[in-house]
Amino acid sequence: MFINEAASLAAPVTDLPVINCCTPLAGTSLGEKEATELEGVMKALADRQRLRIINMLLRAGGEPICVCEFEPFLGLSQGTVSHHLKVLTEAGIVRREGRGNRSYFALVPDALDAVRGVFGPDPVTC
C-alpha cells in the first residue's frame, strides 16, 4: 500500500469544541514574594543535620532544648552544631533563648506551616 492510499483510508478529522474548565492543573497558588521567602527556609532545611535538629525539636513538643543536647545526638562538635542552629535561626525556623551561659533552642510556632502548605493539596474548584 502506498502513502496516498493509506491517507485516503484514514477516518476524517473532526474539529472538537474547546471546553472551558477549571483552573489548569499546572497553575500555582504560590506568588513570587512567597516563593522567595520559602526558598530561604527550604535552603536552611536542605541539610541532613539540620533536618535532624528540626526532628529533635519537633519531638520535644515545643520545649526548648539546650545546645549541649544536640552535640551527642548528632555526633558533631559544638562549633558545627552552633553553625547549623544559626542557619535555622536566621531562616526564622528556630528561636534562641539564653539561660546563663547556655543557649536553648525551640521551633518558632507555625514556622513550618508555609512549607507544609506548598506540599499540601489545594482543592481545585470549578
PDB file of N, CA and C in Angstrom:
ATOM      1  N   MET A   1       0.855  -1.156   0.000  1.00  0.00           N
ATOM      2  CA  MET A   1       0.000   0.000   0.000  1.00  0.00           C
ATOM      3  C   MET A   1       0.907   1.226   0.000  1.00  0.00           C
ATOM      4  N   PHE A   2       0.570   2.190  -0.778  1.00  0.00           N
ATOM      5  CA  PHE A   2       1.315   3.438  -0.874  1.00  0.00           C
ATOM      6  C   PHE A   2       0.798   4.440   0.137  1.00  0.00           C
ATOM      7  N   ILE A   3       1.582   5.484   0.409  1.00  0.00           N
ATOM      8  CA  ILE A   3       1.211   6.512   1.391  1.00  0.00           C
ATOM      9  C   ILE A   3      -0.098   7.180   1.017  1.00  0.00           C
ATOM     10  N   ASN A   4      -0.301   7.495  -0.219  1.00  0.00           N
ATOM     11  CA  ASN A   4      -1.543   8.163  -0.649  1.00  0.00           C
ATOM     12  C   ASN A   4      -2.760   7.274  -0.418  1.00  0.00           C
ATOM     13  N   GLU A   5      -2.604   5.976  -0.626  1.00  0.00           N
ATOM     14  CA  GLU A   5      -3.715   5.053  -0.408  1.00  0.00           C
ATOM     15  C   GLU A   5      -4.061   4.973   1.081  1.00  0.00           C
ATOM     16  N   ALA A   6      -3.049   4.961   1.958  1.00  0.00           N
ATOM     17  CA  ALA A   6      -3.277   4.903   3.403  1.00  0.00           C
ATOM     18  C   ALA A   6      -3.979   6.153   3.884  1.00  0.00           C
ATOM     19  N   ALA A   7      -3.610   7.309   3.326  1.00  0.00           N
ATOM     20  CA  ALA A   7      -4.237   8.561   3.723  1.00  0.00           C
ATOM     21  C   ALA A   7      -5.698   8.587   3.331  1.00  0.00           C
ATOM     22  N   SER A   8      -6.036   8.017   2.216  1.00  0.00           N
ATOM     23  CA  SER A   8      -7.434   8.038   1.787  1.00  0.00           C
ATOM     24  C   SER A   8      -8.290   7.088   2.609  1.00  0.00           C
ATOM     25  N   LEU A   9      -7.685   6.082   3.263  1.00  0.00           N
ATOM     26  CA  LEU A   9      -8.435   5.133   4.074  1.00  0.00           C
ATOM     27  C   LEU A   9      -8.630   5.619   5.514  1.00  0.00           C
ATOM     28  N   ALA A  10      -7.887   6.641   5.942  1.00  0.00           N
ATOM     29  CA  ALA A  10      -7.969   7.142   7.321  1.00  0.00           C
ATOM     30  C   ALA A  10      -9.311   7.811   7.558  1.00  0.00           C
ATOM     31  N   ALA A  11      -9.741   7.781   8.821  1.00  0.00           N
ATOM     32  CA  ALA A  11     -11.008   8.428   9.195  1.00  0.00           C
ATOM     33  C   ALA A  11     -10.869   9.933   9.052  1.00  0.00           C
ATOM     34  N   PRO A  12     -11.949  10.605   8.705  1.00  0.00           N
ATOM     35  CA  PRO A  12     -11.882  12.062   8.570  1.00  0.00           C
ATOM     36  C   PRO A  12     -11.618  12.725   9.925  1.00  0.00           C
ATOM     37  N   VAL A  13     -10.906  13.839   9.896  1.00  0.00           N
ATOM     38  CA  VAL A  13     -10.580  14.582  11.107  1.00  0.00           C
ATOM     39  C   VAL A  13     -11.755  15.487  11.442  1.00  0.00           C
ATOM     40  N   THR A  14     -12.170  15.449  12.700  1.00  0.00           N
ATOM     41  CA  THR A  14     -13.282  16.274  13.155  1.00  0.00           C
ATOM     42  C   THR A  14     -12.758  17.286  14.153  1.00  0.00           C
ATOM     43  N   ASP A  15     -13.133  18.545  13.982  1.00  0.00           N
ATOM     44  CA  ASP A  15     -12.762  19.572  14.954  1.00  0.00           C
ATOM     45  C   ASP A  15     -13.653  19.436  16.175  1.00  0.00           C
ATOM     46  N   LEU A  16     -13.018  19.419  17.339  1.00  0.00           N
ATOM     47  CA  LEU A  16     -13.761  19.309  18.588  1.00  0.00           C
ATOM     48  C   LEU A  16     -13.885  20.689  19.224  1.00  0.00           C
ATOM     49  N   PRO A  17     -14.986  20.941  19.917  1.00  0.00           N
ATOM     50  CA  PRO A  17     -15.150  22.258  20.558  1.00  0.00           C
ATOM     51  C   PRO A  17     -14.213  22.387  21.761  1.00  0.00           C
ATOM     52  N   VAL A  18     -13.788  23.603  22.028  1.00  0.00           N
ATOM     53  CA  VAL A  18     -12.958  23.881  23.193  1.00  0.00           C
ATOM     54  C   VAL A  18     -13.876  23.951  24.403  1.00  0.00           C
ATOM     55  N   ILE A  19     -13.516  23.246  25.447  1.00  0.00           N
ATOM     56  CA  ILE A  19     -14.334  23.209  26.656  1.00  0.00           C
ATOM     57  C   ILE A  19     -13.676  24.084  27.713  1.00  0.00           C
ATOM     58  N   ASN A  20     -14.418  25.039  28.240  1.00  0.00           N
ATOM     59  CA  ASN A  20     -13.915  25.847  29.346  1.00  0.00           C
ATOM     60  C   ASN A  20     -14.034  25.021  30.612  1.00  0.00           C
ATOM     61  N   CYS A  21     -12.949  24.970  31.351  1.00  0.00           N
ATOM     62  CA  CYS A  21     -12.915  24.106  32.526  1.00  0.00           C
ATOM     63  C   CYS A  21     -12.328  24.861  33.706  1.00  0.00           C
ATOM     64  N   CYS A  22     -11.950  24.116  34.668  1.00  0.00           N
ATOM     65  CA  CYS A  22     -11.336  24.664  35.884  1.00  0.00           C
ATOM     66  C   CYS A  22      -9.990  25.305  35.570  1.00  0.00           C
ATOM     67  N   THR A  23      -9.401  25.875  36.607  1.00  0.00           N
ATOM     68  CA  THR A  23      -8.040  26.379  36.506  1.00  0.00           C
ATOM     69  C   THR A  23      -7.152  25.227  36.066  1.00  0.00           C
ATOM     70  N   PRO A  24      -6.219  25.481  35.179  1.00  0.00           N
ATOM     71  CA  PRO A  24      -5.343  24.383  34.744  1.00  0.00           C
ATOM     72  C   PRO A  24      -4.641  23.739  35.923  1.00  0.00           C
ATOM     73  N   LEU A  25      -4.437  22.449  35.837  1.00  0.00           N
ATOM     74  CA  LEU A  25      -3.784  21.706  36.910  1.00  0.00           C
ATOM     75  C   LEU A  25      -2.368  22.208  37.170  1.00  0.00           C
ATOM     76  N   ALA A  26      -1.751  22.796  36.160  1.00  0.00           N
ATOM     77  CA  ALA A  26      -0.382  23.284  36.314  1.00  0.00           C
ATOM     78  C   ALA A  26      -0.322  24.686  36.914  1.00  0.00           C
ATOM     79  N   GLY A  27      -1.450  25.238  37.293  1.00  0.00           N
ATOM     80  CA  GLY A  27      -1.462  26.572  37.899  1.00  0.00           C
ATOM     81  C   GLY A  27      -0.792  26.552  39.265  1.00  0.00           C
ATOM     82  N   THR A  28      -0.534  27.735  39.820  1.00  0.00           N
ATOM     83  CA  THR A  28       0.123  27.822  41.117  1.00  0.00           C
ATOM     84  C   THR A  28      -0.618  28.776  42.039  1.00  0.00           C
ATOM     85  N   SER A  29      -0.556  28.498  43.298  1.00  0.00           N
ATOM     86  CA  SER A  29      -1.111  29.408  44.296  1.00  0.00           C
ATOM     87  C   SER A  29       0.021  30.120  45.027  1.00  0.00           C
ATOM     88  N   LEU A  30       1.234  29.945  44.555  1.00  0.00           N
ATOM     89  CA  LEU A  30       2.420  30.487  45.197  1.00  0.00           C
ATOM     90  C   LEU A  30       2.909  31.704  44.425  1.00  0.00           C
ATOM     91  N   GLY A  31       2.860  32.865  45.069  1.00  0.00           N
ATOM     92  CA  GLY A  31       3.324  34.094  44.444  1.00  0.00           C
ATOM     93  C   GLY A  31       4.837  34.218  44.484  1.00  0.00           C
ATOM     94  N   GLU A  32       5.376  35.163  43.731  1.00  0.00           N
ATOM     95  CA  GLU A  32       6.828  35.351  43.642  1.00  0.00           C
ATOM     96  C   GLU A  32       7.436  35.689  45.002  1.00  0.00           C
ATOM     97  N   LYS A  33       6.794  36.602  45.746  1.00  0.00           N
ATOM     98  CA  LYS A  33       7.337  37.000  47.053  1.00  0.00           C
ATOM     99  C   LYS A  33       7.353  35.818  48.022  1.00  0.00           C
ATOM    100  N   GLU A  34       6.260  35.091  48.069  1.00  0.00           N
ATOM    101  CA  GLU A  34       6.169  33.940  48.971  1.00  0.00           C
ATOM    102  C   GLU A  34       7.187  32.868  48.567  1.00  0.00           C
ATOM    103  N   ALA A  35       7.366  32.664  47.269  1.00  0.00           N
ATOM    104  CA  ALA A  35       8.333  31.674  46.791  1.00  0.00           C
ATOM    105  C   ALA A  35       9.751  32.066  47.195  1.00  0.00           C
ATOM    106  N   THR A  36      10.063  33.351  47.130  1.00  0.00           N
ATOM    107  CA  THR A  36      11.390  33.825  47.514  1.00  0.00           C
ATOM    108  C   THR A  36      11.637  33.594  49.004  1.00  0.00           C
ATOM    109  N   GLU A  37      10.632  33.892  49.829  1.00  0.00           N
ATOM    110  CA  GLU A  37      10.762  33.681  51.270  1.00  0.00           C
ATOM    111  C   GLU A  37      10.915  32.191  51.596  1.00  0.00           C
ATOM    112  N   LEU A  38      10.129  31.360  50.931  1.00  0.00           N
ATOM    113  CA  LEU A  38      10.207  29.918  51.172  1.00  0.00           C
ATOM    114  C   LEU A  38      11.519  29.331  50.685  1.00  0.00           C
ATOM    115  N   GLU A  39      12.095  29.937  49.670  1.00  0.00           N
ATOM    116  CA  GLU A  39      13.383  29.457  49.173  1.00  0.00           C
ATOM    117  C   GLU A  39      14.442  29.495  50.277  1.00  0.00           C
ATOM    118  N   GLY A  40      14.466  30.583  51.037  1.00  0.00           N
ATOM    119  CA  GLY A  40      15.421  30.694  52.136  1.00  0.00           C
ATOM    120  C   GLY A  40      15.176  29.659  53.215  1.00  0.00           C
ATOM    121  N   VAL A  41      13.915  29.425  53.523  1.00  0.00           N
ATOM    122  CA  VAL A  41      13.568  28.423  54.540  1.00  0.00           C
ATOM    123  C   VAL A  41      13.969  27.034  54.061  1.00  0.00           C
ATOM    124  N   MET A  42      13.665  26.740  52.808  1.00  0.00           N
ATOM    125  CA  MET A  42      13.975  25.405  52.294  1.00  0.00           C
ATOM    126  C   MET A  42      15.481  25.185  52.155  1.00  0.00           C
ATOM    127  N   LYS A  43      16.212  26.238  51.821  1.00  0.00           N
ATOM    128  CA  LYS A  43      17.675  26.098  51.783  1.00  0.00           C
ATOM    129  C   LYS A  43      18.212  25.774  53.173  1.00  0.00           C
ATOM    130  N   ALA A  44      17.631  26.397  54.185  1.00  0.00           N
ATOM    131  CA  ALA A  44      18.056  26.115  55.558  1.00  0.00           C
ATOM    132  C   ALA A  44      17.727  24.680  55.948  1.00  0.00           C
ATOM    133  N   LEU A  45      16.626  24.165  55.455  1.00  0.00           N
ATOM    134  CA  LEU A  45      16.213  22.797  55.788  1.00  0.00           C
ATOM    135  C   LEU A  45      16.949  21.746  54.961  1.00  0.00           C
ATOM    136  N   ALA A  46      17.582  22.162  53.883  1.00  0.00           N
ATOM    137  CA  ALA A  46      18.186  21.216  52.944  1.00  0.00           C
ATOM    138  C   ALA A  46      19.556  20.726  53.413  1.00  0.00           C
ATOM    139  N   ASP A  47      19.610  20.218  54.604  1.00  0.00           N
ATOM    140  CA  ASP A  47      20.837  19.667  55.165  1.00  0.00           C
ATOM    141  C   ASP A  47      20.427  18.563  56.129  1.00  0.00           C
ATOM    142  N   ARG A  48      21.069  17.431  56.030  1.00  0.00           N
ATOM    143  CA  ARG A  48      20.639  16.286  56.853  1.00  0.00           C
ATOM    144  C   ARG A  48      20.775  16.553  58.346  1.00  0.00           C
ATOM    145  N   GLN A  49      21.801  17.284  58.762  1.00  0.00           N
ATOM    146  CA  GLN A  49      21.965  17.568  60.192  1.00  0.00           C
ATOM    147  C   GLN A  49      20.903  18.558  60.677  1.00  0.00           C
ATOM    148  N   ARG A  50      20.576  19.539  59.849  1.00  0.00           N
ATOM    149  CA  ARG A  50      19.530  20.498  60.241  1.00  0.00           C
ATOM    150  C   ARG A  50      18.165  19.821  60.270  1.00  0.00           C
ATOM    151  N   LEU A  51      17.940  18.875  59.369  1.00  0.00           N
ATOM    152  CA  LEU A  51      16.688  18.114  59.426  1.00  0.00           C
ATOM    153  C   LEU A  51      16.604  17.308  60.718  1.00  0.00           C
ATOM    154  N   ARG A  52      17.705  16.765  61.146  1.00  0.00           N
ATOM    155  CA  ARG A  52      17.734  16.010  62.406  1.00  0.00           C
ATOM    156  C   ARG A  52      17.479  16.943  63.593  1.00  0.00           C
ATOM    157  N   ILE A  53      18.018  18.151  63.534  1.00  0.00           N
ATOM    158  CA  ILE A  53      17.770  19.138  64.592  1.00  0.00           C
ATOM    159  C   ILE A  53      16.289  19.473  64.639  1.00  0.00           C
ATOM    160  N   ILE A  54      15.686  19.725  63.474  1.00  0.00           N
ATOM    161  CA  ILE A  54      14.251  20.041  63.410  1.00  0.00           C
ATOM    162  C   ILE A  54      13.440  18.878  63.959  1.00  0.00           C
ATOM    163  N   ASN A  55      13.807  17.667  63.606  1.00  0.00           N
ATOM    164  CA  ASN A  55      13.104  16.492  64.101  1.00  0.00           C
ATOM    165  C   ASN A  55      13.192  16.405  65.620  1.00  0.00           C
ATOM    166  N   MET A  56      14.358  16.681  66.146  1.00  0.00           N
ATOM    167  CA  MET A  56      14.545  16.642  67.600  1.00  0.00           C
ATOM    168  C   MET A  56      13.689  17.719  68.284  1.00  0.00           C
ATOM    169  N   LEU A  57      13.652  18.900  67.697  1.00  0.00           N
ATOM    170  CA  LEU A  57      12.840  19.983  68.265  1.00  0.00           C
ATOM    171  C   LEU A  57      11.348  19.662  68.176  1.00  0.00           C
ATOM    172  N   LEU A  58      10.919  19.058  67.090  1.00  0.00           N
ATOM    173  CA  LEU A  58       9.511  18.660  66.965  1.00  0.00           C
ATOM    174  C   LEU A  58       9.141  17.634  68.030  1.00  0.00           C
ATOM    175  N   ARG A  59      10.036  16.694  68.263  1.00  0.00           N
ATOM    176  CA  ARG A  59       9.772  15.644  69.252  1.00  0.00           C
ATOM    177  C   ARG A  59       9.782  16.188  70.685  1.00  0.00           C
ATOM    178  N   ALA A  60      10.375  17.366  70.883  1.00  0.00           N
ATOM    179  CA  ALA A  60      10.404  17.980  72.218  1.00  0.00           C
ATOM    180  C   ALA A  60       9.069  18.642  72.555  1.00  0.00           C
ATOM    181  N   GLY A  61       8.163  18.696  71.605  1.00  0.00           N
ATOM    182  CA  GLY A  61       6.825  19.221  71.870  1.00  0.00           C
ATOM    183  C   GLY A  61       6.789  20.689  72.255  1.00  0.00           C
ATOM    184  N   GLY A  62       7.666  21.487  71.684  1.00  0.00           N
ATOM    185  CA  GLY A  62       7.662  22.923  71.953  1.00  0.00           C
ATOM    186  C   GLY A  62       8.588  23.352  73.076  1.00  0.00           C
ATOM    187  N   GLU A  63       9.125  22.390  73.821  1.00  0.00           N
ATOM    188  CA  GLU A  63      10.052  22.718  74.905  1.00  0.00           C
ATOM    189  C   GLU A  63      11.433  23.050  74.321  1.00  0.00           C
ATOM    190  N   PRO A  64      12.082  24.103  74.809  1.00  0.00           N
ATOM    191  CA  PRO A  64      13.431  24.437  74.333  1.00  0.00           C
ATOM    192  C   PRO A  64      14.435  23.349  74.706  1.00  0.00           C
ATOM    193  N   ILE A  65      15.418  23.148  73.836  1.00  0.00           N
ATOM    194  CA  ILE A  65      16.467  22.159  74.042  1.00  0.00           C
ATOM    195  C   ILE A  65      17.799  22.886  74.145  1.00  0.00           C
ATOM    196  N   CYS A  66      18.596  22.501  75.129  1.00  0.00           N
ATOM    197  CA  CYS A  66      19.917  23.084  75.316  1.00  0.00           C
ATOM    198  C   CYS A  66      20.835  22.673  74.168  1.00  0.00           C
ATOM    199  N   VAL A  67      21.680  23.601  73.755  1.00  0.00           N
ATOM    200  CA  VAL A  67      22.617  23.319  72.665  1.00  0.00           C
ATOM    201  C   VAL A  67      23.480  22.103  72.988  1.00  0.00           C
ATOM    202  N   CYS A  68      23.775  21.895  74.258  1.00  0.00           N
ATOM    203  CA  CYS A  68      24.627  20.762  74.658  1.00  0.00           C
ATOM    204  C   CYS A  68      23.966  19.414  74.388  1.00  0.00           C
ATOM    205  N   GLU A  69      22.636  19.385  74.270  1.00  0.00           N
ATOM    206  CA  GLU A  69      21.941  18.131  73.999  1.00  0.00           C
ATOM    207  C   GLU A  69      22.036  17.714  72.535  1.00  0.00           C
ATOM    208  N   PHE A  70      22.262  18.672  71.651  1.00  0.00           N
ATOM    209  CA  PHE A  70      22.356  18.350  70.230  1.00  0.00           C
ATOM    210  C   PHE A  70      23.672  17.655  69.883  1.00  0.00           C
ATOM    211  N   GLU A  71      24.740  18.056  70.557  1.00  0.00           N
ATOM    212  CA  GLU A  71      26.077  17.562  70.218  1.00  0.00           C
ATOM    213  C   GLU A  71      26.171  16.031  70.247  1.00  0.00           C
ATOM    214  N   PRO A  72      25.816  15.362  71.350  1.00  0.00           N
ATOM    215  CA  PRO A  72      25.925  13.899  71.349  1.00  0.00           C
ATOM    216  C   PRO A  72      24.920  13.235  70.405  1.00  0.00           C
ATOM    217  N   PHE A  73      23.756  13.816  70.275  1.00  0.00           N
ATOM    218  CA  PHE A  73      22.723  13.257  69.400  1.00  0.00           C
ATOM    219  C   PHE A  73      23.189  13.259  67.945  1.00  0.00           C
ATOM    220  N   LEU A  74      23.820  14.354  67.523  1.00  0.00           N
ATOM    221  CA  LEU A  74      24.265  14.496  66.141  1.00  0.00           C
ATOM    222  C   LEU A  74      25.678  13.960  65.921  1.00  0.00           C
ATOM    223  N   GLY A  75      26.453  13.837  66.994  1.00  0.00           N
ATOM    224  CA  GLY A  75      27.837  13.399  66.856  1.00  0.00           C
ATOM    225  C   GLY A  75      28.706  14.456  66.200  1.00  0.00           C
ATOM    226  N   LEU A  76      28.376  15.722  66.454  1.00  0.00           N
ATOM    227  CA  LEU A  76      29.098  16.849  65.856  1.00  0.00           C
ATOM    228  C   LEU A  76      29.721  17.701  66.946  1.00  0.00           C
ATOM    229  N   SER A  77      30.712  18.492  66.564  1.00  0.00           N
ATOM    230  CA  SER A  77      31.338  19.404  67.522  1.00  0.00           C
ATOM    231  C   SER A  77      30.388  20.547  67.863  1.00  0.00           C
ATOM    232  N   GLN A  78      30.676  21.216  68.957  1.00  0.00           N
ATOM    233  CA  GLN A  78      29.853  22.348  69.394  1.00  0.00           C
ATOM    234  C   GLN A  78      29.820  23.435  68.330  1.00  0.00           C
ATOM    235  N   GLY A  79      30.946  23.710  67.693  1.00  0.00           N
ATOM    236  CA  GLY A  79      31.005  24.743  66.660  1.00  0.00           C
ATOM    237  C   GLY A  79      30.125  24.425  65.459  1.00  0.00           C
ATOM    238  N   THR A  80      30.120  23.171  65.048  1.00  0.00           N
ATOM    239  CA  THR A  80      29.301  22.756  63.900  1.00  0.00           C
ATOM    240  C   THR A  80      27.822  22.808  64.251  1.00  0.00           C
ATOM    241  N   VAL A  81      27.472  22.350  65.449  1.00  0.00           N
ATOM    242  CA  VAL A  81      26.078  22.418  65.888  1.00  0.00           C
ATOM    243  C   VAL A  81      25.629  23.878  65.941  1.00  0.00           C
ATOM    244  N   SER A  82      26.468  24.757  66.482  1.00  0.00           N
ATOM    245  CA  SER A  82      26.136  26.182  66.562  1.00  0.00           C
ATOM    246  C   SER A  82      25.917  26.777  65.180  1.00  0.00           C
ATOM    247  N   HIS A  83      26.734  26.365  64.221  1.00  0.00           N
ATOM    248  CA  HIS A  83      26.563  26.855  62.840  1.00  0.00           C
ATOM    249  C   HIS A  83      25.190  26.458  62.295  1.00  0.00           C
ATOM    250  N   HIS A  84      24.822  25.189  62.469  1.00  0.00           N
ATOM    251  CA  HIS A  84      23.528  24.718  61.965  1.00  0.00           C
ATOM    252  C   HIS A  84      22.367  25.443  62.656  1.00  0.00           C
ATOM    253  N   LEU A  85      22.481  25.647  63.950  1.00  0.00           N
ATOM    254  CA  LEU A  85      21.426  26.351  64.685  1.00  0.00           C
ATOM    255  C   LEU A  85      21.336  27.818  64.247  1.00  0.00           C
ATOM    256  N   LYS A  86      22.471  28.427  63.940  1.00  0.00           N
ATOM    257  CA  LYS A  86      22.480  29.803  63.452  1.00  0.00           C
ATOM    258  C   LYS A  86      21.759  29.903  62.113  1.00  0.00           C
ATOM    259  N   VAL A  87      22.002  28.963  61.211  1.00  0.00           N
ATOM    260  CA  VAL A  87      21.321  28.953  59.906  1.00  0.00           C
ATOM    261  C   VAL A  87      19.817  28.834  60.095  1.00  0.00           C
ATOM    262  N   LEU A  88      19.395  27.936  60.965  1.00  0.00           N
ATOM    263  CA  LEU A  88      17.961  27.747  61.221  1.00  0.00           C
ATOM    264  C   LEU A  88      17.343  28.976  61.892  1.00  0.00           C
ATOM    265  N   THR A  89      18.096  29.628  62.771  1.00  0.00           N
ATOM    266  CA  THR A  89      17.606  30.834  63.448  1.00  0.00           C
ATOM    267  C   THR A  89      17.460  31.977  62.447  1.00  0.00           C
ATOM    268  N   GLU A  90      18.459  32.165  61.590  1.00  0.00           N
ATOM    269  CA  GLU A  90      18.404  33.238  60.593  1.00  0.00           C
ATOM    270  C   GLU A  90      17.282  33.028  59.584  1.00  0.00           C
ATOM    271  N   ALA A  91      16.906  31.777  59.355  1.00  0.00           N
ATOM    272  CA  ALA A  91      15.805  31.478  58.436  1.00  0.00           C
ATOM    273  C   ALA A  91      14.445  31.663  59.100  1.00  0.00           C
ATOM    274  N   GLY A  92      14.437  31.924  60.415  1.00  0.00           N
ATOM    275  CA  GLY A  92      13.180  32.144  61.128  1.00  0.00           C
ATOM    276  C   GLY A  92      12.465  30.872  61.532  1.00  0.00           C
ATOM    277  N   ILE A  93      13.166  29.759  61.518  1.00  0.00           N
ATOM    278  CA  ILE A  93      12.558  28.477  61.861  1.00  0.00           C
ATOM    279  C   ILE A  93      12.714  28.169  63.343  1.00  0.00           C
ATOM    280  N   VAL A  94      13.834  28.597  63.906  1.00  0.00           N
ATOM    281  CA  VAL A  94      14.189  28.298  65.293  1.00  0.00           C
ATOM    282  C   VAL A  94      14.428  29.606  66.037  1.00  0.00           C
ATOM    283  N   ARG A  95      14.052  29.622  67.309  1.00  0.00           N
ATOM    284  CA  ARG A  95      14.355  30.792  68.146  1.00  0.00           C
ATOM    285  C   ARG A  95      15.349  30.385  69.221  1.00  0.00           C
ATOM    286  N   ARG A  96      16.171  31.340  69.606  1.00  0.00           N
ATOM    287  CA  ARG A  96      17.210  31.112  70.609  1.00  0.00           C
ATOM    288  C   ARG A  96      16.840  31.831  71.893  1.00  0.00           C
ATOM    289  N   GLU A  97      17.110  31.178  73.012  1.00  0.00           N
ATOM    290  CA  GLU A  97      16.848  31.757  74.325  1.00  0.00           C
ATOM    291  C   GLU A  97      18.092  31.527  75.184  1.00  0.00           C
ATOM    292  N   GLY A  98      18.665  32.593  75.699  1.00  0.00           N
ATOM    293  CA  GLY A  98      19.832  32.466  76.566  1.00  0.00           C
ATOM    294  C   GLY A  98      19.414  32.211  77.999  1.00  0.00           C
ATOM    295  N   ARG A  99      20.066  31.253  78.635  1.00  0.00           N
ATOM    296  CA  ARG A  99      19.842  30.943  80.054  1.00  0.00           C
ATOM    297  C   ARG A  99      21.227  30.792  80.684  1.00  0.00           C
ATOM    298  N   GLY A 100      21.659  31.847  81.348  1.00  0.00           N
ATOM    299  CA  GLY A 100      23.013  31.826  81.913  1.00  0.00           C
ATOM    300  C   GLY A 100      24.027  31.767  80.783  1.00  0.00           C
ATOM    301  N   ASN A 101      24.918  30.800  80.843  1.00  0.00           N
ATOM    302  CA  ASN A 101      25.919  30.673  79.786  1.00  0.00           C
ATOM    303  C   ASN A 101      25.521  29.629  78.736  1.00  0.00           C
ATOM    304  N   ARG A 102      24.297  29.159  78.767  1.00  0.00           N
ATOM    305  CA  ARG A 102      23.801  28.164  77.803  1.00  0.00           C
ATOM    306  C   ARG A 102      22.742  28.781  76.895  1.00  0.00           C
ATOM    307  N   SER A 103      22.646  28.247  75.700  1.00  0.00           N
ATOM    308  CA  SER A 103      21.604  28.656  74.762  1.00  0.00           C
ATOM    309  C   SER A 103      20.633  27.504  74.587  1.00  0.00           C
ATOM    310  N   TYR A 104      19.370  27.844  74.585  1.00  0.00           N
ATOM    311  CA  TYR A 104      18.307  26.873  74.374  1.00  0.00           C
ATOM    312  C   TYR A 104      17.583  27.247  73.089  1.00  0.00           C
ATOM    313  N   PHE A 105      17.138  26.229  72.359  1.00  0.00           N
ATOM    314  CA  PHE A 105      16.505  26.452  71.072  1.00  0.00           C
ATOM    315  C   PHE A 105      15.158  25.750  71.016  1.00  0.00           C
ATOM    316  N   ALA A 106      14.224  26.391  70.326  1.00  0.00           N
ATOM    317  CA  ALA A 106      12.896  25.822  70.117  1.00  0.00           C
ATOM    318  C   ALA A 106      12.407  26.255  68.744  1.00  0.00           C
ATOM    319  N   LEU A 107      11.467  25.492  68.215  1.00  0.00           N
ATOM    320  CA  LEU A 107      10.874  25.876  66.938  1.00  0.00           C
ATOM    321  C   LEU A 107      10.028  27.126  67.113  1.00  0.00           C
ATOM    322  N   VAL A 108      10.062  27.990  66.122  1.00  0.00           N
ATOM    323  CA  VAL A 108       9.171  29.147  66.097  1.00  0.00           C
ATOM    324  C   VAL A 108       7.775  28.595  65.788  1.00  0.00           C
ATOM    325  N   PRO A 109       6.771  28.957  66.611  1.00  0.00           N
ATOM    326  CA  PRO A 109       5.422  28.438  66.340  1.00  0.00           C
ATOM    327  C   PRO A 109       4.988  28.760  64.912  1.00  0.00           C
ATOM    328  N   ASP A 110       4.428  27.786  64.234  1.00  0.00           N
ATOM    329  CA  ASP A 110       3.894  27.904  62.872  1.00  0.00           C
ATOM    330  C   ASP A 110       4.957  28.183  61.808  1.00  0.00           C
ATOM    331  N   ALA A 111       6.247  28.071  62.150  1.00  0.00           N
ATOM    332  CA  ALA A 111       7.312  28.378  61.186  1.00  0.00           C
ATOM    333  C   ALA A 111       7.309  27.430  59.994  1.00  0.00           C
ATOM    334  N   LEU A 112       6.855  26.219  60.173  1.00  0.00           N
ATOM    335  CA  LEU A 112       6.877  25.247  59.085  1.00  0.00           C
ATOM    336  C   LEU A 112       5.550  25.161  58.337  1.00  0.00           C
ATOM    337  N   ASP A 113       4.566  25.967  58.731  1.00  0.00           N
ATOM    338  CA  ASP A 113       3.261  25.924  58.070  1.00  0.00           C
ATOM    339  C   ASP A 113       3.344  26.304  56.600  1.00  0.00           C
ATOM    340  N   ALA A 114       4.147  27.310  56.270  1.00  0.00           N
ATOM    341  CA  ALA A 114       4.262  27.737  54.872  1.00  0.00           C
ATOM    342  C   ALA A 114       4.873  26.626  54.017  1.00  0.00           C
ATOM    343  N   VAL A 115       5.846  25.913  54.579  1.00  0.00           N
ATOM    344  CA  VAL A 115       6.461  24.800  53.849  1.00  0.00           C
ATOM    345  C   VAL A 115       5.429  23.699  53.650  1.00  0.00           C
ATOM    346  N   ARG A 116       4.698  23.393  54.688  1.00  0.00           N
ATOM    347  CA  ARG A 116       3.657  22.367  54.625  1.00  0.00           C
ATOM    348  C   ARG A 116       2.621  22.742  53.569  1.00  0.00           C
ATOM    349  N   GLY A 117       2.295  24.019  53.472  1.00  0.00           N
ATOM    350  CA  GLY A 117       1.299  24.489  52.518  1.00  0.00           C
ATOM    351  C   GLY A 117       1.701  24.292  51.067  1.00  0.00           C
ATOM    352  N   VAL A 118       3.001  24.348  50.797  1.00  0.00           N
ATOM    353  CA  VAL A 118       3.467  24.146  49.426  1.00  0.00           C
ATOM    354  C   VAL A 118       3.190  22.711  48.979  1.00  0.00           C
ATOM    355  N   PHE A 119       3.323  21.760  49.893  1.00  0.00           N
ATOM    356  CA  PHE A 119       3.184  20.364  49.555  1.00  0.00           C
ATOM    357  C   PHE A 119       1.784  19.820  49.809  1.00  0.00           C
ATOM    358  N   GLY A 120       0.962  20.595  50.501  1.00  0.00           N
ATOM    359  CA  GLY A 120      -0.397  20.181  50.761  1.00  0.00           C
ATOM    360  C   GLY A 120      -1.276  20.439  49.553  1.00  0.00           C
ATOM    361  N   PRO A 121      -2.275  19.619  49.338  1.00  0.00           N
ATOM    362  CA  PRO A 121      -3.133  19.812  48.175  1.00  0.00           C
ATOM    363  C   PRO A 121      -4.054  21.011  48.344  1.00  0.00           C
ATOM    364  N   ASP A 122      -4.086  21.846  47.330  1.00  0.00           N
ATOM    365  CA  ASP A 122      -5.068  22.917  47.261  1.00  0.00           C
ATOM    366  C   ASP A 122      -6.256  22.371  46.496  1.00  0.00           C
ATOM    367  N   PRO A 123      -7.451  22.462  47.041  1.00  0.00           N
ATOM    368  CA  PRO A 123      -8.583  21.922  46.304  1.00  0.00           C
ATOM    369  C   PRO A 123      -8.821  22.744  45.031  1.00  0.00           C
ATOM    370  N   VAL A 124      -9.037  22.036  43.934  1.00  0.00           N
ATOM    371  CA  VAL A 124      -9.346  22.682  42.658  1.00  0.00           C
ATOM    372  C   VAL A 124     -10.859  22.786  42.570  1.00  0.00           C
ATOM    373  N   THR A 125     -11.337  23.987  42.388  1.00  0.00           N
ATOM    374  CA  THR A 125     -12.780  24.194  42.269  1.00  0.00           C
ATOM    375  C   THR A 125     -13.092  24.810  40.922  1.00  0.00           C
ATOM    376  N   CYS A 126     -14.201  24.417  40.387  1.00  0.00           N
ATOM    377  CA  CYS A 126     -14.633  24.944  39.072  1.00  0.00           C
ATOM    378  C   CYS A 126     -15.520  26.160  39.276  1.00  0.00           C
TER     379      CYS A 126
END
